[in-house]
Amino acid sequence: VIGKNLDEKTYFEFHDLIIPSRDGTTQIDHIYVSIFGIFVIETKNYTGWIFGGEKQSKWTQIIYKQKHYFQNPLRQNYAHIKALSELLQFPEEKFHSMVVFLGDCELKSKMPPNVCRIRQAAAY
């Protein structure tokens, strides 16, 4: 979905990869390899309101006044980048982390530019 707005001569995409990590294996939703670096994308298909901050360990999803907590996806993606960096023997600076929300959700907190809804993903 993200890749349809990207130049396929510049971006090479890989989806649903399982790679070795320090804790066994880790699953990466999407990777785009380009001249600009390697974009590692964690997608979240949520509804409701999403609250969270870059440094918080847990984020909150609220659906009809019910709160659900989930791991900060930026931290989750950082673990993916660490594993990829070690596997490929590339420096971490070559990787770009992105978190993309799908579904009928609304980001209610001020998010960093690398956390967005699907319609803003290709522009980032």
PDB file of N, CA and C in Angstrom:
ATOM      1  N   VAL A   1       0.826  -1.196   0.000  1.00  0.00           N
ATOM      2  CA  VAL A   1       0.000   0.000   0.000  1.00  0.00           C
ATOM      3  C   VAL A   1       0.868   1.256   0.000  1.00  0.00           C
ATOM      4  N   ILE A   2       1.923   1.277   0.794  1.00  0.00           N
ATOM      5  CA  ILE A   2       2.806   2.443   0.846  1.00  0.00           C
ATOM      6  C   ILE A   2       3.565   2.576  -0.469  1.00  0.00           C
ATOM      7  N   GLY A   3       4.020   1.453  -0.993  1.00  0.00           N
ATOM      8  CA  GLY A   3       4.873   1.433  -2.176  1.00  0.00           C
ATOM      9  C   GLY A   3       4.228   1.890  -3.462  1.00  0.00           C
ATOM     10  N   LYS A   4       2.913   1.902  -3.527  1.00  0.00           N
ATOM     11  CA  LYS A   4       2.266   2.289  -4.794  1.00  0.00           C
ATOM     12  C   LYS A   4       2.543   3.744  -5.167  1.00  0.00           C
ATOM     13  N   ASN A   5       2.918   4.575  -4.191  1.00  0.00           N
ATOM     14  CA  ASN A   5       3.231   5.979  -4.459  1.00  0.00           C
ATOM     15  C   ASN A   5       4.730   6.248  -4.559  1.00  0.00           C
ATOM     16  N   LEU A   6       5.528   5.200  -4.585  1.00  0.00           N
ATOM     17  CA  LEU A   6       6.981   5.356  -4.654  1.00  0.00           C
ATOM     18  C   LEU A   6       7.505   4.899  -6.011  1.00  0.00           C
ATOM     19  N   ASP A   7       8.570   5.527  -6.473  1.00  0.00           N
ATOM     20  CA  ASP A   7       9.203   5.145  -7.734  1.00  0.00           C
ATOM     21  C   ASP A   7       9.848   3.769  -7.568  1.00  0.00           C
ATOM     22  N   GLU A   8       9.373   2.800  -8.331  1.00  0.00           N
ATOM     23  CA  GLU A   8       9.877   1.428  -8.172  1.00  0.00           C
ATOM     24  C   GLU A   8      11.311   1.244  -8.677  1.00  0.00           C
ATOM     25  N   LYS A   9      11.852   2.240  -9.353  1.00  0.00           N
ATOM     26  CA  LYS A   9      13.264   2.178  -9.745  1.00  0.00           C
ATOM     27  C   LYS A   9      14.160   2.689  -8.621  1.00  0.00           C
ATOM     28  N   THR A  10      13.588   3.402  -7.674  1.00  0.00           N
ATOM     29  CA  THR A  10      14.348   3.980  -6.563  1.00  0.00           C
ATOM     30  C   THR A  10      14.162   3.193  -5.269  1.00  0.00           C
ATOM     31  N   TYR A  11      12.977   2.610  -5.090  1.00  0.00           N
ATOM     32  CA  TYR A  11      12.642   1.893  -3.852  1.00  0.00           C
ATOM     33  C   TYR A  11      12.360   0.422  -4.153  1.00  0.00           C
ATOM     34  N   PHE A  12      13.055  -0.449  -3.441  1.00  0.00           N
ATOM     35  CA  PHE A  12      12.823  -1.889  -3.572  1.00  0.00           C
ATOM     36  C   PHE A  12      12.186  -2.351  -2.275  1.00  0.00           C
ATOM     37  N   GLU A  13      11.041  -3.013  -2.399  1.00  0.00           N
ATOM     38  CA  GLU A  13      10.274  -3.336  -1.203  1.00  0.00           C
ATOM     39  C   GLU A  13      10.317  -4.816  -0.845  1.00  0.00           C
ATOM     40  N   PHE A  14      10.274  -5.053   0.460  1.00  0.00           N
ATOM     41  CA  PHE A  14      10.227  -6.392   1.028  1.00  0.00           C
ATOM     42  C   PHE A  14       9.180  -6.372   2.134  1.00  0.00           C
ATOM     43  N   HIS A  15       8.412  -7.449   2.245  1.00  0.00           N
ATOM     44  CA  HIS A  15       7.317  -7.471   3.208  1.00  0.00           C
ATOM     45  C   HIS A  15       7.347  -8.731   4.066  1.00  0.00           C
ATOM     46  N   ASP A  16       6.928  -8.571   5.304  1.00  0.00           N
ATOM     47  CA  ASP A  16       6.737  -9.675   6.243  1.00  0.00           C
ATOM     48  C   ASP A  16       7.980 -10.565   6.352  1.00  0.00           C
ATOM     49  N   LEU A  17       9.067  -9.954   6.786  1.00  0.00           N
ATOM     50  CA  LEU A  17      10.330 -10.674   6.924  1.00  0.00           C
ATOM     51  C   LEU A  17      10.535 -11.148   8.358  1.00  0.00           C
ATOM     52  N   ILE A  18      11.051 -12.321   8.503  1.00  0.00           N
ATOM     53  CA  ILE A  18      11.438 -12.838   9.816  1.00  0.00           C
ATOM     54  C   ILE A  18      12.945 -13.011   9.787  1.00  0.00           C
ATOM     55  N   ILE A  19      13.621 -12.324  10.709  1.00  0.00           N
ATOM     56  CA  ILE A  19      15.078 -12.361  10.739  1.00  0.00           C
ATOM     57  C   ILE A  19      15.551 -12.750  12.137  1.00  0.00           C
ATOM     58  N   PRO A  20      16.774 -13.237  12.248  1.00  0.00           N
ATOM     59  CA  PRO A  20      17.299 -13.572  13.570  1.00  0.00           C
ATOM     60  C   PRO A  20      17.526 -12.312  14.407  1.00  0.00           C
ATOM     61  N   SER A  21      17.336 -12.457  15.715  1.00  0.00           N
ATOM     62  CA  SER A  21      17.605 -11.363  16.644  1.00  0.00           C
ATOM     63  C   SER A  21      18.224 -11.955  17.903  1.00  0.00           C
ATOM     64  N   ARG A  22      18.601 -11.106  18.817  1.00  0.00           N
ATOM     65  CA  ARG A  22      19.212 -11.589  20.059  1.00  0.00           C
ATOM     66  C   ARG A  22      18.270 -12.475  20.867  1.00  0.00           C
ATOM     67  N   ASP A  23      16.966 -12.237  20.719  1.00  0.00           N
ATOM     68  CA  ASP A  23      15.967 -13.003  21.472  1.00  0.00           C
ATOM     69  C   ASP A  23      15.371 -14.155  20.670  1.00  0.00           C
ATOM     70  N   GLY A  24      15.958 -14.489  19.550  1.00  0.00           N
ATOM     71  CA  GLY A  24      15.423 -15.560  18.698  1.00  0.00           C
ATOM     72  C   GLY A  24      15.209 -15.033  17.297  1.00  0.00           C
ATOM     73  N   THR A  25      13.971 -14.587  17.026  1.00  0.00           N
ATOM     74  CA  THR A  25      13.659 -13.988  15.729  1.00  0.00           C
ATOM     75  C   THR A  25      12.773 -12.766  15.956  1.00  0.00           C
ATOM     76  N   THR A  26      12.700 -11.939  14.926  1.00  0.00           N
ATOM     77  CA  THR A  26      11.799 -10.793  14.961  1.00  0.00           C
ATOM     78  C   THR A  26      11.151 -10.656  13.594  1.00  0.00           C
ATOM     79  N   GLN A  27       9.914 -10.180  13.578  1.00  0.00           N
ATOM     80  CA  GLN A  27       9.157 -10.045  12.335  1.00  0.00           C
ATOM     81  C   GLN A  27       9.070  -8.569  11.974  1.00  0.00           C
ATOM     82  N   ILE A  28       9.439  -8.253  10.740  1.00  0.00           N
ATOM     83  CA  ILE A  28       9.415  -6.878  10.240  1.00  0.00           C
ATOM     84  C   ILE A  28       8.328  -6.779   9.181  1.00  0.00           C
ATOM     85  N   ASP A  29       7.445  -5.789   9.338  1.00  0.00           N
ATOM     86  CA  ASP A  29       6.322  -5.653   8.413  1.00  0.00           C
ATOM     87  C   ASP A  29       6.779  -5.278   7.005  1.00  0.00           C
ATOM     88  N   HIS A  30       7.561  -4.202   6.885  1.00  0.00           N
ATOM     89  CA  HIS A  30       7.963  -3.716   5.554  1.00  0.00           C
ATOM     90  C   HIS A  30       9.365  -3.120   5.618  1.00  0.00           C
ATOM     91  N   ILE A  31      10.109  -3.334   4.537  1.00  0.00           N
ATOM     92  CA  ILE A  31      11.416  -2.711   4.355  1.00  0.00           C
ATOM     93  C   ILE A  31      11.458  -2.150   2.942  1.00  0.00           C
ATOM     94  N   TYR A  32      11.907  -0.899   2.840  1.00  0.00           N
ATOM     95  CA  TYR A  32      12.126  -0.276   1.539  1.00  0.00           C
ATOM     96  C   TYR A  32      13.594   0.108   1.463  1.00  0.00           C
ATOM     97  N   VAL A  33      14.289  -0.465   0.493  1.00  0.00           N
ATOM     98  CA  VAL A  33      15.707  -0.181   0.287  1.00  0.00           C
ATOM     99  C   VAL A  33      15.799   0.841  -0.841  1.00  0.00           C
ATOM    100  N   SER A  34      16.541   1.929  -0.588  1.00  0.00           N
ATOM    101  CA  SER A  34      16.658   2.978  -1.597  1.00  0.00           C
ATOM    102  C   SER A  34      18.017   3.650  -1.483  1.00  0.00           C
ATOM    103  N   ILE A  35      18.261   4.587  -2.385  1.00  0.00           N
ATOM    104  CA  ILE A  35      19.499   5.367  -2.332  1.00  0.00           C
ATOM    105  C   ILE A  35      19.504   6.282  -1.110  1.00  0.00           C
ATOM    106  N   PHE A  36      18.341   6.476  -0.489  1.00  0.00           N
ATOM    107  CA  PHE A  36      18.210   7.346   0.679  1.00  0.00           C
ATOM    108  C   PHE A  36      18.413   6.590   1.987  1.00  0.00           C
ATOM    109  N   GLY A  37      18.578   5.282   1.906  1.00  0.00           N
ATOM    110  CA  GLY A  37      18.737   4.450   3.089  1.00  0.00           C
ATOM    111  C   GLY A  37      17.738   3.308   3.091  1.00  0.00           C
ATOM    112  N   ILE A  38      17.671   2.644   4.215  1.00  0.00           N
ATOM    113  CA  ILE A  38      16.776   1.501   4.371  1.00  0.00           C
ATOM    114  C   ILE A  38      15.660   1.911   5.329  1.00  0.00           C
ATOM    115  N   PHE A  39      14.441   1.952   4.816  1.00  0.00           N
ATOM    116  CA  PHE A  39      13.287   2.344   5.614  1.00  0.00           C
ATOM    117  C   PHE A  39      12.652   1.087   6.204  1.00  0.00           C
ATOM    118  N   VAL A  40      12.570   1.054   7.518  1.00  0.00           N
ATOM    119  CA  VAL A  40      11.989  -0.076   8.247  1.00  0.00           C
ATOM    120  C   VAL A  40      10.653   0.407   8.794  1.00  0.00           C
ATOM    121  N   ILE A  41       9.575  -0.256   8.359  1.00  0.00           N
ATOM    122  CA  ILE A  41       8.236   0.247   8.661  1.00  0.00           C
ATOM    123  C   ILE A  41       7.444  -0.765   9.480  1.00  0.00           C
ATOM    124  N   GLU A  42       6.970  -0.287  10.601  1.00  0.00           N
ATOM    125  CA  GLU A  42       6.069  -1.045  11.458  1.00  0.00           C
ATOM    126  C   GLU A  42       4.666  -0.499  11.196  1.00  0.00           C
ATOM    127  N   THR A  43       3.733  -1.372  10.822  1.00  0.00           N
ATOM    128  CA  THR A  43       2.365  -0.925  10.592  1.00  0.00           C
ATOM    129  C   THR A  43       1.478  -1.380  11.743  1.00  0.00           C
ATOM    130  N   LYS A  44       0.526  -0.534  12.081  1.00  0.00           N
ATOM    131  CA  LYS A  44      -0.454  -0.819  13.132  1.00  0.00           C
ATOM    132  C   LYS A  44      -1.840  -0.558  12.563  1.00  0.00           C
ATOM    133  N   ASN A  45      -2.691  -1.566  12.612  1.00  0.00           N
ATOM    134  CA  ASN A  45      -4.059  -1.447  12.113  1.00  0.00           C
ATOM    135  C   ASN A  45      -4.988  -1.317  13.317  1.00  0.00           C
ATOM    136  N   TYR A  46      -5.219  -0.071  13.731  1.00  0.00           N
ATOM    137  CA  TYR A  46      -5.987   0.203  14.946  1.00  0.00           C
ATOM    138  C   TYR A  46      -7.183   1.099  14.643  1.00  0.00           C
ATOM    139  N   THR A  47      -8.160   1.048  15.544  1.00  0.00           N
ATOM    140  CA  THR A  47      -9.272   1.984  15.525  1.00  0.00           C
ATOM    141  C   THR A  47      -9.209   2.807  16.810  1.00  0.00           C
ATOM    142  N   GLY A  48     -10.031   3.836  16.866  1.00  0.00           N
ATOM    143  CA  GLY A  48     -10.098   4.644  18.082  1.00  0.00           C
ATOM    144  C   GLY A  48      -9.045   5.734  18.122  1.00  0.00           C
ATOM    145  N   TRP A  49      -8.866   6.273  19.322  1.00  0.00           N
ATOM    146  CA  TRP A  49      -7.885   7.325  19.540  1.00  0.00           C
ATOM    147  C   TRP A  49      -6.580   6.727  20.016  1.00  0.00           C
ATOM    148  N   ILE A  50      -5.473   7.220  19.490  1.00  0.00           N
ATOM    149  CA  ILE A  50      -4.141   6.745  19.864  1.00  0.00           C
ATOM    150  C   ILE A  50      -3.387   7.887  20.554  1.00  0.00           C
ATOM    151  N   PHE A  51      -2.888   7.590  21.746  1.00  0.00           N
ATOM    152  CA  PHE A  51      -2.089   8.544  22.513  1.00  0.00           C
ATOM    153  C   PHE A  51      -0.724   7.925  22.779  1.00  0.00           C
ATOM    154  N   GLY A  52       0.316   8.720  22.651  1.00  0.00           N
ATOM    155  CA  GLY A  52       1.641   8.207  22.966  1.00  0.00           C
ATOM    156  C   GLY A  52       2.706   9.246  22.691  1.00  0.00           C
ATOM    157  N   GLY A  53       3.840   9.030  23.276  1.00  0.00           N
ATOM    158  CA  GLY A  53       4.969   9.914  23.066  1.00  0.00           C
ATOM    159  C   GLY A  53       6.197   9.124  22.676  1.00  0.00           C
ATOM    160  N   GLU A  54       7.098   9.808  22.046  1.00  0.00           N
ATOM    161  CA  GLU A  54       8.319   9.175  21.532  1.00  0.00           C
ATOM    162  C   GLU A  54       9.069   8.405  22.621  1.00  0.00           C
ATOM    163  N   LYS A  55       9.102   8.925  23.825  1.00  0.00           N
ATOM    164  CA  LYS A  55       9.887   8.320  24.906  1.00  0.00           C
ATOM    165  C   LYS A  55       9.078   7.397  25.831  1.00  0.00           C
ATOM    166  N   GLN A  56       7.770   7.361  25.683  1.00  0.00           N
ATOM    167  CA  GLN A  56       6.944   6.515  26.544  1.00  0.00           C
ATOM    168  C   GLN A  56       7.105   5.044  26.170  1.00  0.00           C
ATOM    169  N   SER A  57       7.118   4.172  27.177  1.00  0.00           N
ATOM    170  CA  SER A  57       7.252   2.743  26.886  1.00  0.00           C
ATOM    171  C   SER A  57       5.946   2.142  26.381  1.00  0.00           C
ATOM    172  N   LYS A  58       4.818   2.657  26.851  1.00  0.00           N
ATOM    173  CA  LYS A  58       3.502   2.156  26.419  1.00  0.00           C
ATOM    174  C   LYS A  58       2.701   3.296  25.808  1.00  0.00           C
ATOM    175  N   TRP A  59       1.934   2.974  24.797  1.00  0.00           N
ATOM    176  CA  TRP A  59       0.992   3.908  24.204  1.00  0.00           C
ATOM    177  C   TRP A  59      -0.410   3.423  24.544  1.00  0.00           C
ATOM    178  N   THR A  60      -1.396   4.289  24.342  1.00  0.00           N
ATOM    179  CA  THR A  60      -2.769   3.988  24.723  1.00  0.00           C
ATOM    180  C   THR A  60      -3.695   4.089  23.519  1.00  0.00           C
ATOM    181  N   GLN A  61      -4.582   3.104  23.423  1.00  0.00           N
ATOM    182  CA  GLN A  61      -5.654   3.126  22.435  1.00  0.00           C
ATOM    183  C   GLN A  61      -6.954   3.238  23.230  1.00  0.00           C
ATOM    184  N   ILE A  62      -7.795   4.196  22.856  1.00  0.00           N
ATOM    185  CA  ILE A  62      -9.083   4.346  23.520  1.00  0.00           C
ATOM    186  C   ILE A  62     -10.188   4.123  22.493  1.00  0.00           C
ATOM    187  N   ILE A  63     -11.046   3.152  22.816  1.00  0.00           N
ATOM    188  CA  ILE A  63     -12.209   2.860  21.977  1.00  0.00           C
ATOM    189  C   ILE A  63     -13.428   2.890  22.898  1.00  0.00           C
ATOM    190  N   TYR A  64     -14.316   3.832  22.659  1.00  0.00           N
ATOM    191  CA  TYR A  64     -15.529   3.960  23.474  1.00  0.00           C
ATOM    192  C   TYR A  64     -15.224   3.922  24.967  1.00  0.00           C
ATOM    193  N   LYS A  65     -14.318   4.772  25.404  1.00  0.00           N
ATOM    194  CA  LYS A  65     -13.921   4.937  26.810  1.00  0.00           C
ATOM    195  C   LYS A  65     -13.165   3.743  27.397  1.00  0.00           C
ATOM    196  N   GLN A  66     -12.899   2.718  26.593  1.00  0.00           N
ATOM    197  CA  GLN A  66     -12.083   1.593  27.063  1.00  0.00           C
ATOM    198  C   GLN A  66     -10.639   1.832  26.647  1.00  0.00           C
ATOM    199  N   LYS A  67      -9.726   1.702  27.613  1.00  0.00           N
ATOM    200  CA  LYS A  67      -8.307   1.910  27.350  1.00  0.00           C
ATOM    201  C   LYS A  67      -7.606   0.570  27.135  1.00  0.00           C
ATOM    202  N   HIS A  68      -6.773   0.542  26.136  1.00  0.00           N
ATOM    203  CA  HIS A  68      -5.918  -0.613  25.857  1.00  0.00           C
ATOM    204  C   HIS A  68      -4.504  -0.074  25.698  1.00  0.00           C
ATOM    205  N   TYR A  69      -3.551  -0.773  26.242  1.00  0.00           N
ATOM    206  CA  TYR A  69      -2.158  -0.338  26.188  1.00  0.00           C
ATOM    207  C   TYR A  69      -1.373  -1.249  25.254  1.00  0.00           C
ATOM    208  N   PHE A  70      -0.413  -0.675  24.550  1.00  0.00           N
ATOM    209  CA  PHE A  70       0.440  -1.461  23.669  1.00  0.00           C
ATOM    210  C   PHE A  70       1.849  -0.878  23.689  1.00  0.00           C
ATOM    211  N   GLN A  71       2.814  -1.728  23.358  1.00  0.00           N
ATOM    212  CA  GLN A  71       4.209  -1.314  23.360  1.00  0.00           C
ATOM    213  C   GLN A  71       4.417  -0.162  22.379  1.00  0.00           C
ATOM    214  N   ASN A  72       5.223   0.811  22.770  1.00  0.00           N
ATOM    215  CA  ASN A  72       5.577   1.912  21.891  1.00  0.00           C
ATOM    216  C   ASN A  72       6.142   1.320  20.592  1.00  0.00           C
ATOM    217  N   PRO A  73       5.475   1.535  19.449  1.00  0.00           N
ATOM    218  CA  PRO A  73       5.956   0.929  18.200  1.00  0.00           C
ATOM    219  C   PRO A  73       7.294   1.477  17.727  1.00  0.00           C
ATOM    220  N   LEU A  74       7.666   2.674  18.179  1.00  0.00           N
ATOM    221  CA  LEU A  74       9.000   3.185  17.844  1.00  0.00           C
ATOM    222  C   LEU A  74      10.077   2.337  18.506  1.00  0.00           C
ATOM    223  N   ARG A  75       9.832   1.926  19.746  1.00  0.00           N
ATOM    224  CA  ARG A  75      10.776   1.036  20.441  1.00  0.00           C
ATOM    225  C   ARG A  75      10.810  -0.337  19.781  1.00  0.00           C
ATOM    226  N   GLN A  76       9.651  -0.817  19.408  1.00  0.00           N
ATOM    227  CA  GLN A  76       9.554  -2.107  18.710  1.00  0.00           C
ATOM    228  C   GLN A  76      10.368  -2.052  17.416  1.00  0.00           C
ATOM    229  N   ASN A  77      10.216  -0.958  16.672  1.00  0.00           N
ATOM    230  CA  ASN A  77      10.930  -0.836  15.406  1.00  0.00           C
ATOM    231  C   ASN A  77      12.428  -0.640  15.613  1.00  0.00           C
ATOM    232  N   TYR A  78      12.808  -0.003  16.716  1.00  0.00           N
ATOM    233  CA  TYR A  78      14.225   0.141  17.018  1.00  0.00           C
ATOM    234  C   TYR A  78      14.871  -1.240  17.181  1.00  0.00           C
ATOM    235  N   ALA A  79      14.158  -2.155  17.824  1.00  0.00           N
ATOM    236  CA  ALA A  79      14.667  -3.526  17.959  1.00  0.00           C
ATOM    237  C   ALA A  79      14.816  -4.186  16.592  1.00  0.00           C
ATOM    238  N   HIS A  80      13.891  -3.906  15.678  1.00  0.00           N
ATOM    239  CA  HIS A  80      14.002  -4.443  14.318  1.00  0.00           C
ATOM    240  C   HIS A  80      15.258  -3.894  13.628  1.00  0.00           C
ATOM    241  N   ILE A  81      15.493  -2.599  13.787  1.00  0.00           N
ATOM    242  CA  ILE A  81      16.660  -1.980  13.151  1.00  0.00           C
ATOM    243  C   ILE A  81      17.956  -2.522  13.742  1.00  0.00           C
ATOM    244  N   LYS A  82      18.004  -2.697  15.059  1.00  0.00           N
ATOM    245  CA  LYS A  82      19.194  -3.289  15.690  1.00  0.00           C
ATOM    246  C   LYS A  82      19.475  -4.671  15.099  1.00  0.00           C
ATOM    247  N   ALA A  83      18.445  -5.494  14.982  1.00  0.00           N
ATOM    248  CA  ALA A  83      18.606  -6.846  14.444  1.00  0.00           C
ATOM    249  C   ALA A  83      19.061  -6.804  12.983  1.00  0.00           C
ATOM    250  N   LEU A  84      18.460  -5.925  12.185  1.00  0.00           N
ATOM    251  CA  LEU A  84      18.856  -5.796  10.775  1.00  0.00           C
ATOM    252  C   LEU A  84      20.284  -5.287  10.641  1.00  0.00           C
ATOM    253  N   SER A  85      20.648  -4.318  11.456  1.00  0.00           N
ATOM    254  CA  SER A  85      21.994  -3.758  11.438  1.00  0.00           C
ATOM    255  C   SER A  85      23.030  -4.840  11.715  1.00  0.00           C
ATOM    256  N   GLU A  86      22.758  -5.664  12.706  1.00  0.00           N
ATOM    257  CA  GLU A  86      23.674  -6.754  13.039  1.00  0.00           C
ATOM    258  C   GLU A  86      23.710  -7.805  11.937  1.00  0.00           C
ATOM    259  N   LEU A  87      22.543  -8.171  11.410  1.00  0.00           N
ATOM    260  CA  LEU A  87      22.472  -9.195  10.374  1.00  0.00           C
ATOM    261  C   LEU A  87      23.191  -8.758   9.100  1.00  0.00           C
ATOM    262  N   LEU A  88      22.945  -7.524   8.669  1.00  0.00           N
ATOM    263  CA  LEU A  88      23.508  -7.036   7.408  1.00  0.00           C
ATOM    264  C   LEU A  88      24.890  -6.408   7.557  1.00  0.00           C
ATOM    265  N   GLN A  89      25.314  -6.192   8.823  1.00  0.00           N
ATOM    266  CA  GLN A  89      26.590  -5.523   9.086  1.00  0.00           C
ATOM    267  C   GLN A  89      26.607  -4.117   8.482  1.00  0.00           C
ATOM    268  N   PHE A  90      25.480  -3.415   8.600  1.00  0.00           N
ATOM    269  CA  PHE A  90      25.356  -2.024   8.171  1.00  0.00           C
ATOM    270  C   PHE A  90      25.235  -1.160   9.409  1.00  0.00           C
ATOM    271  N   PRO A  91      25.777   0.055   9.376  1.00  0.00           N
ATOM    272  CA  PRO A  91      25.614   0.952  10.530  1.00  0.00           C
ATOM    273  C   PRO A  91      24.150   1.373  10.696  1.00  0.00           C
ATOM    274  N   GLU A  92      23.738   1.574  11.932  1.00  0.00           N
ATOM    275  CA  GLU A  92      22.354   1.953  12.222  1.00  0.00           C
ATOM    276  C   GLU A  92      21.946   3.250  11.546  1.00  0.00           C
ATOM    277  N   GLU A  93      22.909   4.133  11.260  1.00  0.00           N
ATOM    278  CA  GLU A  93      22.593   5.408  10.623  1.00  0.00           C
ATOM    279  C   GLU A  93      21.993   5.244   9.229  1.00  0.00           C
ATOM    280  N   LYS A  94      22.198   4.082   8.609  1.00  0.00           N
ATOM    281  CA  LYS A  94      21.664   3.830   7.261  1.00  0.00           C
ATOM    282  C   LYS A  94      20.175   3.478   7.282  1.00  0.00           C
ATOM    283  N   PHE A  95      19.621   3.269   8.477  1.00  0.00           N
ATOM    284  CA  PHE A  95      18.235   2.840   8.618  1.00  0.00           C
ATOM    285  C   PHE A  95      17.351   4.005   9.057  1.00  0.00           C
ATOM    286  N   HIS A  96      16.127   4.009   8.559  1.00  0.00           N
ATOM    287  CA  HIS A  96      15.133   5.015   8.927  1.00  0.00           C
ATOM    288  C   HIS A  96      13.906   4.286   9.469  1.00  0.00           C
ATOM    289  N   SER A  97      13.518   4.626  10.680  1.00  0.00           N
ATOM    290  CA  SER A  97      12.367   4.000  11.318  1.00  0.00           C
ATOM    291  C   SER A  97      11.096   4.766  10.989  1.00  0.00           C
ATOM    292  N   MET A  98      10.044   4.019  10.670  1.00  0.00           N
ATOM    293  CA  MET A  98       8.722   4.607  10.442  1.00  0.00           C
ATOM    294  C   MET A  98       7.667   3.747  11.103  1.00  0.00           C
ATOM    295  N   VAL A  99       6.660   4.394  11.664  1.00  0.00           N
ATOM    296  CA  VAL A  99       5.478   3.700  12.172  1.00  0.00           C
ATOM    297  C   VAL A  99       4.292   4.273  11.417  1.00  0.00           C
ATOM    298  N   VAL A 100       3.523   3.390  10.784  1.00  0.00           N
ATOM    299  CA  VAL A 100       2.402   3.810   9.957  1.00  0.00           C
ATOM    300  C   VAL A 100       1.131   3.177  10.506  1.00  0.00           C
ATOM    301  N   PHE A 101       0.155   4.034  10.810  1.00  0.00           N
ATOM    302  CA  PHE A 101      -1.131   3.565  11.318  1.00  0.00           C
ATOM    303  C   PHE A 101      -2.134   3.446  10.182  1.00  0.00           C
ATOM    304  N   LEU A 102      -2.767   2.292  10.131  1.00  0.00           N
ATOM    305  CA  LEU A 102      -3.837   2.013   9.185  1.00  0.00           C
ATOM    306  C   LEU A 102      -5.141   1.993   9.983  1.00  0.00           C
ATOM    307  N   GLY A 103      -6.230   1.752   9.319  1.00  0.00           N
ATOM    308  CA  GLY A 103      -7.489   1.605  10.034  1.00  0.00           C
ATOM    309  C   GLY A 103      -8.094   2.944  10.393  1.00  0.00           C
ATOM    310  N   ASP A 104      -9.184   2.881  11.115  1.00  0.00           N
ATOM    311  CA  ASP A 104      -9.959   4.067  11.461  1.00  0.00           C
ATOM    312  C   ASP A 104      -9.527   4.589  12.823  1.00  0.00           C
ATOM    313  N   CYS A 105      -8.304   5.075  12.888  1.00  0.00           N
ATOM    314  CA  CYS A 105      -7.804   5.611  14.155  1.00  0.00           C
ATOM    315  C   CYS A 105      -7.431   7.073  13.973  1.00  0.00           C
ATOM    316  N   GLU A 106      -7.308   7.754  15.094  1.00  0.00           N
ATOM    317  CA  GLU A 106      -6.909   9.154  15.086  1.00  0.00           C
ATOM    318  C   GLU A 106      -5.762   9.326  16.068  1.00  0.00           C
ATOM    319  N   LEU A 107      -4.657   9.880  15.575  1.00  0.00           N
ATOM    320  CA  LEU A 107      -3.504  10.128  16.435  1.00  0.00           C
ATOM    321  C   LEU A 107      -3.769  11.409  17.220  1.00  0.00           C
ATOM    322  N   LYS A 108      -3.952  11.272  18.533  1.00  0.00           N
ATOM    323  CA  LYS A 108      -4.356  12.402  19.362  1.00  0.00           C
ATOM    324  C   LYS A 108      -3.182  13.111  20.024  1.00  0.00           C
ATOM    325  N   SER A 109      -2.016  12.510  20.020  1.00  0.00           N
ATOM    326  CA  SER A 109      -0.822  13.131  20.594  1.00  0.00           C
ATOM    327  C   SER A 109       0.018  13.724  19.470  1.00  0.00           C
ATOM    328  N   LYS A 110       0.845  14.687  19.836  1.00  0.00           N
ATOM    329  CA  LYS A 110       1.804  15.205  18.849  1.00  0.00           C
ATOM    330  C   LYS A 110       2.847  14.122  18.617  1.00  0.00           C
ATOM    331  N   MET A 111       2.934  13.659  17.395  1.00  0.00           N
ATOM    332  CA  MET A 111       3.835  12.567  17.040  1.00  0.00           C
ATOM    333  C   MET A 111       5.026  13.109  16.265  1.00  0.00           C
ATOM    334  N   PRO A 112       6.168  12.401  16.355  1.00  0.00           N
ATOM    335  CA  PRO A 112       7.306  12.785  15.513  1.00  0.00           C
ATOM    336  C   PRO A 112       6.961  12.540  14.034  1.00  0.00           C
ATOM    337  N   PRO A 113       7.690  13.146  13.099  1.00  0.00           N
ATOM    338  CA  PRO A 113       7.353  13.029  11.675  1.00  0.00           C
ATOM    339  C   PRO A 113       7.390  11.599  11.133  1.00  0.00           C
ATOM    340  N   ASN A 114       8.105  10.698  11.817  1.00  0.00           N
ATOM    341  CA  ASN A 114       8.181   9.316  11.325  1.00  0.00           C
ATOM    342  C   ASN A 114       7.061   8.428  11.862  1.00  0.00           C
ATOM    343  N   VAL A 115       6.062   9.030  12.504  1.00  0.00           N
ATOM    344  CA  VAL A 115       4.848   8.319  12.928  1.00  0.00           C
ATOM    345  C   VAL A 115       3.684   9.015  12.235  1.00  0.00           C
ATOM    346  N   CYS A 116       2.958   8.266  11.392  1.00  0.00           N
ATOM    347  CA  CYS A 116       1.921   8.913  10.601  1.00  0.00           C
ATOM    348  C   CYS A 116       0.821   7.934  10.220  1.00  0.00           C
ATOM    349  N   ARG A 117      -0.200   8.460   9.603  1.00  0.00           N
ATOM    350  CA  ARG A 117      -1.262   7.663   9.012  1.00  0.00           C
ATOM    351  C   ARG A 117      -0.772   7.231   7.622  1.00  0.00           C
ATOM    352  N   ILE A 118      -1.426   6.240   7.055  1.00  0.00           N
ATOM    353  CA  ILE A 118      -0.991   5.659   5.783  1.00  0.00           C
ATOM    354  C   ILE A 118      -0.912   6.704   4.658  1.00  0.00           C
ATOM    355  N   ARG A 119      -1.811   7.665   4.638  1.00  0.00           N
ATOM    356  CA  ARG A 119      -1.818   8.638   3.532  1.00  0.00           C
ATOM    357  C   ARG A 119      -0.610   9.582   3.557  1.00  0.00           C
ATOM    358  N   GLN A 120       0.076   9.705   4.685  1.00  0.00           N
ATOM    359  CA  GLN A 120       1.261  10.554   4.751  1.00  0.00           C
ATOM    360  C   GLN A 120       2.564   9.767   4.587  1.00  0.00           C
ATOM    361  N   ALA A 121       2.489   8.455   4.548  1.00  0.00           N
ATOM    362  CA  ALA A 121       3.684   7.614   4.595  1.00  0.00           C
ATOM    363  C   ALA A 121       4.622   7.822   3.413  1.00  0.00           C
ATOM    364  N   ALA A 122       4.097   7.815   2.206  1.00  0.00           N
ATOM    365  CA  ALA A 122       4.967   7.955   1.030  1.00  0.00           C
ATOM    366  C   ALA A 122       5.661   9.312   1.008  1.00  0.00           C
ATOM    367  N   ALA A 123       4.973  10.351   1.476  1.00  0.00           N
ATOM    368  CA  ALA A 123       5.569  11.691   1.487  1.00  0.00           C
ATOM    369  C   ALA A 123       6.771  11.740   2.432  1.00  0.00           C
ATOM    370  N   TYR A 124       6.685  11.004   3.559  1.00  0.00           N
ATOM    371  CA  TYR A 124       7.813  10.993   4.494  1.00  0.00           C
ATOM    372  C   TYR A 124       9.024  10.360   3.834  1.00  0.00           C
TER     373      TYR A 124
END
